Amino acid sequence: MNPLLTVKDLDVAYGTDRGRVTAVQGVGFEMEPGERVTIVGESGSGKSSVARAVLGLLDPARTRIAGSVNFAGSELLGLSDKQFAAVRGADVTFVMQDHAAALNPTSRIGRQLREVLELHRDRVPAHERDGAVDRVLREVGLNDVDRVRRSFPFELSGGMRQRVLIAMAIIGGPRLLIADEPTTALDAVVQKQILDLLRSIATARGMAILSITHSIDVARYLSDRIVVMKDGVIVEQGTASQVLNEPQHPYTRQLLAAASGAPLTGDRTPGPVVLRADAVSKRFRSRARVGGMFSRRAEFLALDDVSFELGEGETVAVVGESGSGKSTLVRCLAGLERLDAGSIAFGPREGVGRPASSISELGYVFQDPYGSMNPRWSVRDVLTEPLTNARVPRSRRATLIEESLTRVHLDPVVVERRIAEFSGGQRQRIAIARALITHPRVLLLDEPTAALDASIQRRVVDLLIEIQTQTGAGFLFITHDLTLAGEVADRVVVLQRGRIVEEGPAAEILAHPVDDYTRMLVSAHALRAPASTSRVITPEGASA
């Protein structure tokens, strides 16, 4: 059987102001028809550069590409843009990581799907295109076809938009789909749904999938074979079972250790209560469309009678799907949203008794290390802002800035560098330094590792645990990742549609959930199922 895709001796180098930078060196692998292969590695490993080279998306004026990319017996490197366009989007398609950037916000979904068919009009006649759009929407699980076709992207949830991207990728009947981080920023339930969808579509269509991910768990769940990349080279490749169960390279073992899910904190006894939420409720009001006019006010209950406590030195994880109320809760705690009912109180180590009266009571680490700080600001600018808000005397600021950077293991000499010069992991360390600089008793962590790859996630989590041990701060950890919750949390609070449905010790809740919703979340996190080794790839690309 001839391979569907053969990548051989692939080199990619980018031209920069500082000269050429090699991103990929000597990469080679093969894919059979219908096979699922995953390239896994940290940010900067070169995996996305490989995918873009296969797709012909690298600018030849700024990129030096060498080697061979052979698809179905035809060499792709060296093709003109017009020749590549005949392959890309037809036989080889791409599911981008960022659905917000991939979809036109001003065009309805149905129109965007038809435009894909019009680009490949030889495959689907004009009179069949509406039917083809409906069929592919149902195939990706969007069964309310009429509503989805009429919708703009912003009217759909993140999971629905990701399904639309998959529909756009498969509507022309490709033989190879390349998925770049297809589940990033999706909660666990939706993530599993998308991975199940990709697997089922690949099996039903005999379509090969080349996925790009930093998540060992995604690779485990989706792959027949795994390719591990580090610093632009392949350090290990083989069947999923071989790579995951008998890793040969130290880097592969490091990735597996970072995704192990082992508890990191051990048994701890929390100190006095430093945060109490009592019967917190929050409604959002909007204008509803009635008869084509915005006339009726609609209400959405985002938080409904939520109560919990956080002790000194304790970590409480708040978990739930997107839309469960997690982000609304943390915004209410931070004073960014006004409560409709209930109360929130912070307090000193001797007890809780007053609302937060200054920023020094509370630190806040946002999810996105790229969007949460002005990239043009210097580190000094970023760290000075909370000190100014807390009215810390100028004479103390330099010392506090140096202490804060040292605490997150950054050399204080970086203080004059701009945020744009740092990696994602370094930026998140600066964000943590900013949150800690006023010595808060409570730290709000809103998905603080969601945008980071696995080994950097682990380093940031290790750093947070170290800081908590040093400072005794209480951590409220907002996450959709139950594996992470099990690693870091003493207690877990489960939110569904704005209500707490279950609460208790982390080990007990995650091992023996009582509520049906919690059981569903735990089941959705079962991405550590044994790697699929029973599939046999036939010459036709179907699964035996």
Protein backbone atom coordinates (compact mmCIF):
# COMPACT_ATOMS: atom_id res chain seq x y z
CA MET A 1 0.00 0.00 0.00
CA ASN A 2 1.40 3.38 -1.01
CA PRO A 3 1.46 6.07 1.68
CA LEU A 4 -1.02 8.90 1.36
CA LEU A 5 1.47 11.47 2.71
CA THR A 6 5.25 11.22 2.86
CA VAL A 7 7.28 13.98 4.48
CA LYS A 8 11.04 13.52 3.98
CA ASP A 9 14.02 15.57 5.18
CA LEU A 10 11.84 18.67 5.67
CA ASP A 11 13.67 21.85 6.67
CA VAL A 12 11.95 25.17 7.41
CA ALA A 13 13.81 28.39 8.23
CA TYR A 14 12.27 31.82 8.72
CA GLY A 15 13.88 35.11 7.81
CA THR A 16 13.87 37.58 10.70
CA ASP A 17 15.50 40.90 11.55
CA ARG A 18 18.18 38.90 13.36
CA GLY A 19 18.84 36.55 10.43
CA ARG A 20 17.47 33.11 9.58
CA VAL A 21 15.90 31.04 12.35
CA THR A 22 15.59 27.29 11.79
CA ALA A 23 12.17 26.04 12.89
CA VAL A 24 12.17 22.52 11.41
CA GLN A 25 15.15 20.33 10.57
CA GLY A 26 15.23 16.91 8.92
CA VAL A 27 11.62 15.98 9.71
CA GLY A 28 10.28 12.82 8.11
CA PHE A 29 7.20 10.62 8.58
CA GLU A 30 4.52 8.81 6.58
CA MET A 31 0.73 8.50 6.77
CA GLU A 32 -1.37 5.71 5.33
CA PRO A 33 -4.87 6.32 3.89
CA GLY A 34 -7.37 6.57 6.74
CA GLU A 35 -4.67 6.77 9.42
CA ARG A 36 -4.73 9.19 12.36
CA VAL A 37 -1.31 10.64 13.17
CA THR A 38 -0.65 13.27 15.83
CA ILE A 39 2.38 15.55 16.07
CA VAL A 40 2.83 16.49 19.72
CA GLY A 41 5.24 18.93 21.34
CA GLU A 42 5.52 22.19 23.21
CA SER A 43 5.15 25.64 21.71
CA GLY A 44 8.18 26.31 19.52
CA SER A 45 8.74 22.63 18.73
CA GLY A 46 8.05 23.18 15.02
CA LYS A 47 4.86 21.15 14.75
CA SER A 48 2.72 23.95 13.30
CA SER A 49 5.48 24.81 10.80
CA VAL A 50 5.33 21.22 9.53
CA ALA A 51 1.56 21.46 9.08
CA ARG A 52 1.83 24.77 7.23
CA ALA A 53 4.55 23.39 4.96
CA VAL A 54 2.28 20.47 4.04
CA LEU A 55 -0.54 22.92 3.31
CA GLY A 56 1.63 25.34 1.32
CA LEU A 57 0.84 28.20 3.71
CA LEU A 58 4.41 29.38 4.26
CA ASP A 59 5.47 32.55 2.45
CA PRO A 60 8.30 31.54 0.07
CA ALA A 61 9.62 35.11 0.07
CA ARG A 62 10.34 34.96 3.80
CA THR A 63 10.81 31.23 4.33
CA ARG A 64 13.37 28.75 3.10
CA ILE A 65 11.84 25.31 2.66
CA ALA A 66 13.78 22.20 1.64
CA GLY A 67 13.04 18.49 1.47
CA SER A 68 9.98 16.71 0.14
CA VAL A 69 6.23 16.67 0.85
CA ASN A 70 4.57 14.03 -1.32
CA PHE A 71 0.79 13.65 -1.31
CA ALA A 72 -0.79 10.69 -3.13
CA GLY A 73 2.25 10.39 -5.39
CA SER A 74 2.55 14.10 -6.25
CA GLU A 75 5.24 16.42 -4.91
CA LEU A 76 3.74 19.50 -3.22
CA LEU A 77 6.85 21.55 -2.49
CA GLY A 78 7.60 23.85 -5.39
CA LEU A 79 4.01 24.09 -6.64
CA SER A 80 2.72 27.51 -7.61
CA ASP A 81 -0.03 29.14 -5.54
CA LYS A 82 -2.58 28.22 -8.22
CA GLN A 83 -1.43 24.60 -8.33
CA PHE A 84 -1.44 24.34 -4.53
CA ALA A 85 -4.95 25.82 -4.37
CA ALA A 86 -6.20 22.90 -6.43
CA VAL A 87 -5.01 20.52 -3.71
CA ARG A 88 -5.60 22.60 -0.59
CA GLY A 89 -9.26 22.73 0.41
CA ALA A 90 -10.12 19.82 -1.86
CA ASP A 91 -7.91 16.79 -1.17
CA VAL A 92 -6.13 18.32 1.85
CA THR A 93 -8.04 20.58 4.26
CA PHE A 94 -7.29 22.47 7.43
CA VAL A 95 -9.14 23.03 10.72
CA MET A 96 -7.64 26.09 12.36
CA GLN A 97 -7.18 26.48 16.11
CA ASP A 98 -8.90 29.87 16.33
CA HIS A 99 -12.48 29.62 15.08
CA ALA A 100 -12.94 33.34 15.71
CA ALA A 101 -10.26 34.12 13.12
CA ALA A 102 -11.26 31.36 10.69
CA LEU A 103 -14.91 32.37 10.28
CA ASN A 104 -16.12 35.58 8.66
CA PRO A 105 -18.05 37.42 11.41
CA THR A 106 -20.21 39.30 8.87
CA SER A 107 -21.33 36.29 6.84
CA ARG A 108 -23.96 33.69 7.74
CA ILE A 109 -22.80 30.10 8.24
CA GLY A 110 -24.78 28.73 5.29
CA ARG A 111 -23.21 31.25 2.92
CA GLN A 112 -19.70 30.44 4.14
CA LEU A 113 -20.25 26.72 3.55
CA ARG A 114 -21.61 27.38 0.05
CA GLU A 115 -18.55 29.48 -0.73
CA VAL A 116 -16.35 26.47 0.03
CA LEU A 117 -18.36 24.38 -2.43
CA GLU A 118 -18.17 27.11 -5.07
CA LEU A 119 -14.36 27.04 -4.82
CA HIS A 120 -14.53 23.34 -5.72
CA ARG A 121 -17.52 23.46 -8.02
CA ASP A 122 -16.37 20.40 -9.97
CA ARG A 123 -17.17 18.20 -6.97
CA VAL A 124 -20.72 19.29 -6.15
CA PRO A 125 -23.10 20.65 -8.86
CA ALA A 126 -24.79 23.99 -8.10
CA HIS A 127 -28.27 22.49 -7.70
CA GLU A 128 -26.99 20.06 -5.04
CA ARG A 129 -25.10 22.55 -2.86
CA ASP A 130 -27.91 23.49 -0.46
CA GLY A 131 -28.51 19.80 0.20
CA ALA A 132 -24.77 19.24 0.69
CA VAL A 133 -24.66 22.06 3.26
CA ASP A 134 -27.55 20.53 5.21
CA ARG A 135 -26.03 17.06 5.11
CA VAL A 136 -22.62 18.16 6.36
CA LEU A 137 -24.14 20.19 9.21
CA ARG A 138 -26.02 17.10 10.36
CA GLU A 139 -22.86 15.01 9.97
CA VAL A 140 -21.01 17.26 12.45
CA GLY A 141 -23.92 17.11 14.90
CA LEU A 142 -25.56 20.49 14.15
CA ASN A 143 -29.04 19.12 13.67
CA ASP A 144 -30.91 22.42 13.92
CA VAL A 145 -29.86 23.01 10.34
CA ASP A 146 -32.14 25.93 9.48
CA ARG A 147 -31.08 27.96 12.51
CA VAL A 148 -27.37 27.24 12.06
CA ARG A 149 -27.44 28.13 8.35
CA ARG A 150 -29.04 31.51 9.14
CA SER A 151 -26.73 32.25 12.08
CA PHE A 152 -23.70 34.51 12.16
CA PRO A 153 -20.64 33.01 13.93
CA PHE A 154 -21.09 35.17 17.06
CA GLU A 155 -24.56 33.64 17.55
CA LEU A 156 -23.07 30.16 18.06
CA SER A 157 -21.17 28.71 21.00
CA GLY A 158 -17.46 27.90 20.78
CA GLY A 159 -18.17 24.19 20.36
CA MET A 160 -20.70 24.87 17.60
CA ARG A 161 -18.25 27.12 15.76
CA GLN A 162 -15.62 24.39 15.94
CA ARG A 163 -18.13 21.96 14.43
CA VAL A 164 -18.77 24.48 11.64
CA LEU A 165 -15.02 24.61 10.92
CA ILE A 166 -14.95 20.81 10.68
CA ALA A 167 -17.96 20.95 8.34
CA MET A 168 -16.15 23.46 6.11
CA ALA A 169 -13.09 21.20 6.08
CA ILE A 170 -14.92 18.00 5.07
CA ILE A 171 -17.67 19.32 2.79
CA GLY A 172 -15.53 18.86 -0.32
CA GLY A 173 -14.63 15.25 0.51
CA PRO A 174 -10.91 15.52 1.38
CA ARG A 175 -8.60 12.56 1.80
CA LEU A 176 -6.50 14.27 4.49
CA LEU A 177 -7.64 16.68 7.22
CA ILE A 178 -5.03 18.63 9.20
CA ALA A 179 -6.32 19.81 12.60
CA ASP A 180 -4.21 22.39 14.44
CA GLU A 181 -5.01 22.27 18.19
CA PRO A 182 -8.67 21.46 17.43
CA THR A 183 -9.83 21.51 21.07
CA THR A 184 -7.84 24.38 22.60
CA ALA A 185 -9.97 26.67 24.83
CA LEU A 186 -12.94 24.27 24.78
CA ASP A 187 -14.21 22.80 28.03
CA ALA A 188 -13.79 19.09 28.73
CA VAL A 189 -17.27 17.98 27.65
CA VAL A 190 -17.10 19.88 24.34
CA GLN A 191 -13.48 18.82 23.85
CA LYS A 192 -14.42 15.16 24.06
CA GLN A 193 -17.37 15.71 21.73
CA ILE A 194 -15.08 17.28 19.11
CA LEU A 195 -12.51 14.50 19.41
CA ASP A 196 -15.23 11.85 19.15
CA LEU A 197 -16.59 13.68 16.10
CA LEU A 198 -13.19 13.71 14.38
CA ARG A 199 -12.71 10.02 15.07
CA SER A 200 -16.16 9.06 13.80
CA ILE A 201 -15.86 11.17 10.65
CA ALA A 202 -12.43 9.73 9.88
CA THR A 203 -13.77 6.20 10.25
CA ALA A 204 -16.96 6.81 8.27
CA ARG A 205 -15.19 8.57 5.39
CA GLY A 206 -11.91 6.65 5.39
CA MET A 207 -10.23 10.04 5.83
CA ALA A 208 -6.76 10.48 7.29
CA ILE A 209 -6.22 13.04 10.08
CA LEU A 210 -2.95 14.78 10.91
CA SER A 211 -3.50 16.55 14.22
CA ILE A 212 -1.23 19.08 15.88
CA THR A 213 -1.39 19.39 19.66
CA HIS A 214 0.57 20.12 22.81
CA SER A 215 -1.71 17.78 24.78
CA ILE A 216 -0.51 14.23 25.37
CA ASP A 217 -4.07 13.33 26.39
CA VAL A 218 -5.49 14.52 23.05
CA ALA A 219 -2.78 12.57 21.24
CA ARG A 220 -3.60 9.50 23.32
CA TYR A 221 -7.31 9.72 22.54
CA LEU A 222 -7.12 10.51 18.83
CA SER A 223 -4.07 8.74 17.42
CA ASP A 224 -3.02 5.55 15.71
CA ARG A 225 0.55 6.86 15.63
CA ILE A 226 2.33 9.69 17.45
CA VAL A 227 5.24 11.87 16.30
CA VAL A 228 7.03 13.75 19.11
CA MET A 229 8.84 16.98 18.20
CA LYS A 230 11.23 19.14 20.19
CA ASP A 231 13.23 22.15 18.99
CA GLY A 232 12.34 21.51 15.36
CA VAL A 233 13.32 17.83 15.18
CA ILE A 234 11.52 14.53 15.69
CA VAL A 235 12.79 12.88 18.86
CA GLU A 236 10.48 9.87 18.80
CA GLN A 237 7.71 8.34 16.70
CA GLY A 238 5.79 5.09 16.65
CA THR A 239 2.41 3.58 17.35
CA ALA A 240 0.40 5.32 20.05
CA SER A 241 0.83 2.31 22.30
CA GLN A 242 4.62 2.28 21.85
CA VAL A 243 5.14 5.99 22.44
CA LEU A 244 2.77 6.25 25.40
CA ASN A 245 3.55 2.98 27.16
CA GLU A 246 7.24 2.54 26.33
CA PRO A 247 8.66 6.04 25.69
CA GLN A 248 12.32 5.99 24.66
CA HIS A 249 13.28 9.67 24.68
CA PRO A 250 13.60 11.72 27.92
CA TYR A 251 11.50 14.51 26.40
CA THR A 252 8.60 12.12 25.72
CA ARG A 253 8.83 10.90 29.30
CA GLN A 254 8.77 14.54 30.43
CA LEU A 255 5.58 15.22 28.45
CA LEU A 256 3.95 12.11 29.91
CA ALA A 257 4.95 13.10 33.43
CA ALA A 258 3.49 16.57 32.91
CA ALA A 259 0.17 14.97 31.95
CA SER A 260 0.19 12.33 34.68
CA GLY A 261 -2.56 13.88 36.77
CA ALA A 262 -0.91 12.88 40.03
CA PRO A 263 -1.91 15.05 43.02
CA LEU A 264 0.68 17.73 43.72
CA THR A 265 -0.39 19.09 47.08
CA GLY A 266 -0.95 16.21 49.51
CA ASP A 267 -3.22 16.47 52.54
CA ARG A 268 -3.47 19.96 54.03
CA THR A 269 -5.52 21.57 56.75
CA PRO A 270 -6.77 25.00 55.70
CA GLY A 271 -6.41 27.97 58.00
CA PRO A 272 -9.07 30.52 58.97
CA VAL A 273 -11.60 31.58 56.35
CA VAL A 274 -10.30 34.41 54.14
CA LEU A 275 -13.15 34.52 51.59
CA ARG A 276 -16.84 33.82 52.00
CA ALA A 277 -19.51 33.94 49.28
CA ASP A 278 -23.02 33.86 50.74
CA ALA A 279 -26.10 33.23 48.54
CA VAL A 280 -24.55 35.06 45.56
CA SER A 281 -26.86 35.62 42.59
CA LYS A 282 -26.28 37.46 39.33
CA ARG A 283 -28.68 38.13 36.44
CA PHE A 284 -27.88 39.50 33.01
CA ARG A 285 -30.56 41.37 31.10
CA SER A 286 -30.79 41.88 27.36
CA ARG A 287 -33.28 42.90 24.69
CA ALA A 288 -34.92 39.90 23.05
CA ARG A 289 -36.01 39.85 19.41
CA VAL A 290 -39.78 39.55 18.96
CA GLY A 291 -41.31 39.63 15.47
CA GLY A 292 -38.13 41.05 13.95
CA MET A 293 -37.96 43.87 16.52
CA PHE A 294 -35.96 44.19 19.75
CA SER A 295 -38.81 44.78 22.18
CA ARG A 296 -38.91 42.30 25.05
CA ARG A 297 -36.35 42.27 27.86
CA ALA A 298 -34.87 38.82 28.51
CA GLU A 299 -33.12 37.69 31.68
CA PHE A 300 -30.42 35.09 32.16
CA LEU A 301 -29.62 33.82 35.66
CA ALA A 302 -25.85 33.31 35.56
CA LEU A 303 -25.38 32.64 39.31
CA ASP A 304 -28.13 31.28 41.53
CA ASP A 305 -27.68 31.22 45.34
CA VAL A 306 -23.97 30.29 45.28
CA SER A 307 -22.30 29.90 48.68
CA PHE A 308 -18.84 28.62 49.64
CA GLU A 309 -15.81 29.43 51.78
CA LEU A 310 -12.06 29.56 51.13
CA GLY A 311 -9.52 29.07 53.89
CA GLU A 312 -6.02 30.44 54.33
CA GLY A 313 -3.54 28.25 52.42
CA GLU A 314 -6.39 26.31 50.79
CA THR A 315 -7.08 25.77 47.07
CA VAL A 316 -10.71 25.48 45.98
CA ALA A 317 -11.29 24.55 42.34
CA VAL A 318 -14.51 25.72 40.69
CA VAL A 319 -15.28 23.43 37.73
CA GLY A 320 -17.98 23.21 35.10
CA GLU A 321 -18.65 23.53 31.39
CA SER A 322 -18.58 26.78 29.46
CA GLY A 323 -21.69 28.69 30.48
CA SER A 324 -21.80 27.14 33.95
CA GLY A 325 -21.12 30.49 35.65
CA LYS A 326 -17.43 30.10 36.53
CA SER A 327 -16.25 33.30 34.86
CA THR A 328 -19.22 35.28 36.17
CA LEU A 329 -18.39 34.10 39.68
CA VAL A 330 -14.77 35.18 39.48
CA ARG A 331 -15.77 38.56 38.01
CA CYS A 332 -18.19 39.08 40.88
CA LEU A 333 -15.51 38.15 43.40
CA ALA A 334 -13.13 40.63 41.77
CA GLY A 335 -15.74 43.39 41.89
CA LEU A 336 -16.03 43.56 38.10
CA GLU A 337 -19.74 42.67 38.24
CA ARG A 338 -22.33 43.86 40.75
CA LEU A 339 -24.32 41.24 42.64
CA ASP A 340 -28.09 41.09 42.39
CA ALA A 341 -28.30 39.25 45.70
CA GLY A 342 -26.03 37.83 48.38
CA SER A 343 -22.69 39.03 49.69
CA ILE A 344 -18.95 38.50 49.30
CA ALA A 345 -16.59 39.16 52.22
CA PHE A 346 -12.82 39.08 52.59
CA GLY A 347 -10.91 39.26 55.82
CA PRO A 348 -7.60 39.09 57.66
CA ARG A 349 -6.14 35.93 59.05
CA GLU A 350 -8.26 36.23 62.20
CA GLY A 351 -11.48 35.91 60.21
CA VAL A 352 -13.81 37.23 57.55
CA GLY A 353 -15.92 40.22 58.32
CA ARG A 354 -15.84 42.96 55.71
CA PRO A 355 -16.11 43.53 51.97
CA ALA A 356 -12.87 43.94 50.04
CA SER A 357 -11.82 47.50 50.75
CA SER A 358 -8.60 47.62 48.75
CA ILE A 359 -6.88 45.84 45.93
CA SER A 360 -4.38 44.43 48.41
CA GLU A 361 -7.00 41.93 49.63
CA LEU A 362 -7.17 40.23 46.25
CA GLY A 363 -4.91 39.17 43.36
CA TYR A 364 -6.25 38.16 39.96
CA VAL A 365 -4.47 36.03 37.32
CA PHE A 366 -6.27 36.02 33.99
CA GLN A 367 -6.52 33.13 31.54
CA ASP A 368 -4.74 34.65 28.56
CA PRO A 369 -1.10 35.68 29.10
CA TYR A 370 -1.14 37.34 25.68
CA GLY A 371 -4.28 39.42 26.09
CA SER A 372 -4.14 40.32 29.79
CA MET A 373 -1.19 42.74 29.56
CA ASN A 374 -0.39 45.56 27.17
CA PRO A 375 2.40 44.13 24.96
CA ARG A 376 3.95 47.59 24.58
CA TRP A 377 4.33 48.12 28.30
CA SER A 378 7.51 47.27 30.13
CA VAL A 379 7.51 44.82 33.02
CA ARG A 380 7.99 47.81 35.30
CA ASP A 381 4.85 49.46 33.89
CA VAL A 382 2.79 46.28 34.44
CA LEU A 383 3.96 45.79 38.03
CA THR A 384 3.70 49.46 38.99
CA GLU A 385 0.01 49.71 38.06
CA PRO A 386 -1.38 47.65 41.01
CA LEU A 387 0.97 49.43 43.39
CA THR A 388 -0.38 52.78 42.21
CA ASN A 389 -3.96 51.56 42.59
CA ALA A 390 -3.18 50.37 46.13
CA ARG A 391 -1.52 53.73 46.91
CA VAL A 392 1.79 52.13 47.83
CA PRO A 393 4.42 54.86 48.46
CA ARG A 394 6.85 55.38 45.59
CA SER A 395 9.77 54.73 47.92
CA ARG A 396 8.66 51.09 48.37
CA ARG A 397 7.79 50.24 44.78
CA ALA A 398 11.23 49.27 43.44
CA THR A 399 11.74 46.82 46.31
CA LEU A 400 8.29 45.23 45.86
CA ILE A 401 8.85 44.87 42.09
CA GLU A 402 12.19 43.11 42.65
CA GLU A 403 10.69 40.83 45.33
CA SER A 404 7.75 39.93 43.10
CA LEU A 405 9.91 39.02 40.08
CA THR A 406 12.28 36.98 42.23
CA ARG A 407 9.34 35.09 43.72
CA VAL A 408 8.26 33.91 40.24
CA HIS A 409 11.87 33.02 39.32
CA LEU A 410 12.45 35.87 36.88
CA ASP A 411 15.66 37.90 37.00
CA PRO A 412 14.80 41.48 38.03
CA VAL A 413 17.01 42.72 35.17
CA VAL A 414 14.04 42.03 32.82
CA VAL A 415 12.14 44.92 34.38
CA GLU A 416 12.72 47.29 31.44
CA ARG A 417 11.87 44.77 28.71
CA ARG A 418 8.54 45.01 26.93
CA ILE A 419 5.88 42.33 27.47
CA ALA A 420 5.92 41.49 23.74
CA GLU A 421 9.45 40.11 24.10
CA PHE A 422 8.42 37.27 26.43
CA SER A 423 7.06 33.77 25.77
CA GLY A 424 3.63 32.68 26.97
CA GLY A 425 5.03 30.94 30.04
CA GLN A 426 7.17 33.96 30.94
CA ARG A 427 4.20 36.29 30.48
CA GLN A 428 2.11 34.20 32.83
CA ARG A 429 4.90 34.42 35.44
CA ILE A 430 4.79 38.21 35.07
CA ALA A 431 0.99 38.08 35.44
CA ILE A 432 1.41 36.07 38.65
CA ALA A 433 4.01 38.56 39.88
CA ARG A 434 1.52 41.36 39.20
CA ALA A 435 -1.20 39.55 41.15
CA LEU A 436 1.11 38.90 44.12
CA ILE A 437 2.83 42.25 44.36
CA THR A 438 0.38 43.71 46.90
CA HIS A 439 0.63 40.57 49.09
CA PRO A 440 -3.04 39.53 48.71
CA ARG A 441 -4.69 37.01 51.03
CA VAL A 442 -6.80 35.60 48.17
CA LEU A 443 -5.64 34.81 44.64
CA LEU A 444 -8.24 34.36 41.89
CA LEU A 445 -6.88 32.12 39.13
CA ASP A 446 -9.14 32.18 36.07
CA GLU A 447 -7.97 29.28 33.84
CA PRO A 448 -4.35 30.41 34.37
CA THR A 449 -2.80 27.57 32.35
CA ALA A 450 -5.40 27.06 29.61
CA ALA A 451 -3.38 28.86 26.92
CA LEU A 452 -0.09 27.09 27.78
CA ASP A 453 1.27 23.74 26.61
CA ALA A 454 1.55 20.80 28.98
CA SER A 455 5.08 21.08 30.38
CA ILE A 456 4.80 24.87 30.78
CA GLN A 457 1.44 24.33 32.50
CA ARG A 458 3.16 22.05 34.97
CA ARG A 459 5.91 24.58 35.66
CA VAL A 460 3.35 27.33 36.27
CA VAL A 461 1.31 25.07 38.56
CA ASP A 462 4.45 24.04 40.48
CA LEU A 463 5.28 27.74 40.86
CA LEU A 464 1.79 28.53 42.19
CA ILE A 465 2.00 25.73 44.75
CA GLU A 466 5.42 26.96 45.85
CA ILE A 467 4.07 30.51 46.22
CA GLN A 468 1.07 29.32 48.22
CA THR A 469 3.37 27.45 50.59
CA GLN A 470 5.43 30.62 51.08
CA THR A 471 2.57 33.11 51.42
CA GLY A 472 -0.34 31.14 52.88
CA ALA A 473 -2.73 32.77 50.39
CA GLY A 474 -6.04 31.11 49.60
CA PHE A 475 -6.39 30.14 45.92
CA LEU A 476 -9.69 30.03 44.04
CA PHE A 477 -8.85 28.07 40.91
CA ILE A 478 -11.34 28.40 38.03
CA THR A 479 -10.92 25.58 35.53
CA HIS A 480 -12.73 23.30 33.12
CA ASP A 481 -9.90 20.76 33.48
CA LEU A 482 -10.82 18.16 36.10
CA THR A 483 -7.39 16.56 35.82
CA LEU A 484 -5.78 19.84 36.86
CA ALA A 485 -8.37 20.30 39.60
CA GLY A 486 -7.44 16.89 40.98
CA GLU A 487 -3.78 17.86 40.99
CA VAL A 488 -4.00 21.22 42.75
CA ALA A 489 -7.23 21.47 44.72
CA ASP A 490 -8.09 20.59 48.30
CA ARG A 491 -11.80 20.98 47.57
CA VAL A 492 -13.90 21.10 44.40
CA VAL A 493 -17.06 23.12 43.76
CA VAL A 494 -19.07 21.92 40.73
CA LEU A 495 -21.18 24.56 38.96
CA GLN A 496 -23.97 23.81 36.51
CA ARG A 497 -26.10 26.60 35.04
CA GLY A 498 -25.11 28.93 37.84
CA ARG A 499 -25.88 26.57 40.73
CA ILE A 500 -23.58 24.44 42.90
CA VAL A 501 -24.59 20.82 42.29
CA GLU A 502 -21.80 19.16 44.29
CA GLU A 503 -19.02 20.23 46.64
CA GLY A 504 -16.43 18.40 48.73
CA PRO A 505 -12.85 17.11 48.97
CA ALA A 506 -11.24 16.94 45.53
CA ALA A 507 -10.21 13.29 45.73
CA GLU A 508 -13.69 12.21 46.84
CA ILE A 509 -15.63 14.29 44.29
CA LEU A 510 -13.49 13.21 41.33
CA ALA A 511 -13.25 9.54 42.30
CA HIS A 512 -16.84 9.06 43.50
CA PRO A 513 -19.10 11.78 42.05
CA VAL A 514 -22.68 11.69 43.27
CA ASP A 515 -24.45 14.17 41.00
CA ASP A 516 -25.24 13.08 37.41
CA TYR A 517 -23.67 16.25 36.03
CA THR A 518 -20.41 15.69 37.92
CA ARG A 519 -20.33 12.11 36.66
CA MET A 520 -20.71 13.43 33.11
CA LEU A 521 -17.78 15.85 33.62
CA VAL A 522 -15.59 13.09 35.04
CA SER A 523 -16.54 10.80 32.15
CA ALA A 524 -15.71 13.54 29.64
CA HIS A 525 -12.21 13.71 31.10
CA ALA A 526 -11.56 10.07 30.34
CA LEU A 527 -9.12 11.05 27.57
CA ARG A 528 -6.60 8.73 29.16
CA ALA A 529 -8.34 5.67 27.73
CA PRO A 530 -5.93 3.11 26.29
CA ALA A 531 -4.49 4.19 22.97
CA SER A 532 -6.32 2.77 19.96
CA THR A 533 -4.14 -0.07 18.76
CA SER A 534 -6.80 -2.34 17.29
CA ARG A 535 -7.49 -0.37 14.10
CA VAL A 536 -6.16 -2.01 10.97
CA ILE A 537 -5.59 0.31 8.01
CA THR A 538 -6.79 -1.28 4.80
CA PRO A 539 -5.58 -0.24 1.35
CA GLU A 540 -8.84 1.62 0.82
CA GLY A 541 -8.24 3.64 3.98
CA ALA A 542 -11.22 2.19 5.85
CA SER A 543 -10.95 0.83 9.37
CA ALA A 544 -11.18 -2.91 9.73
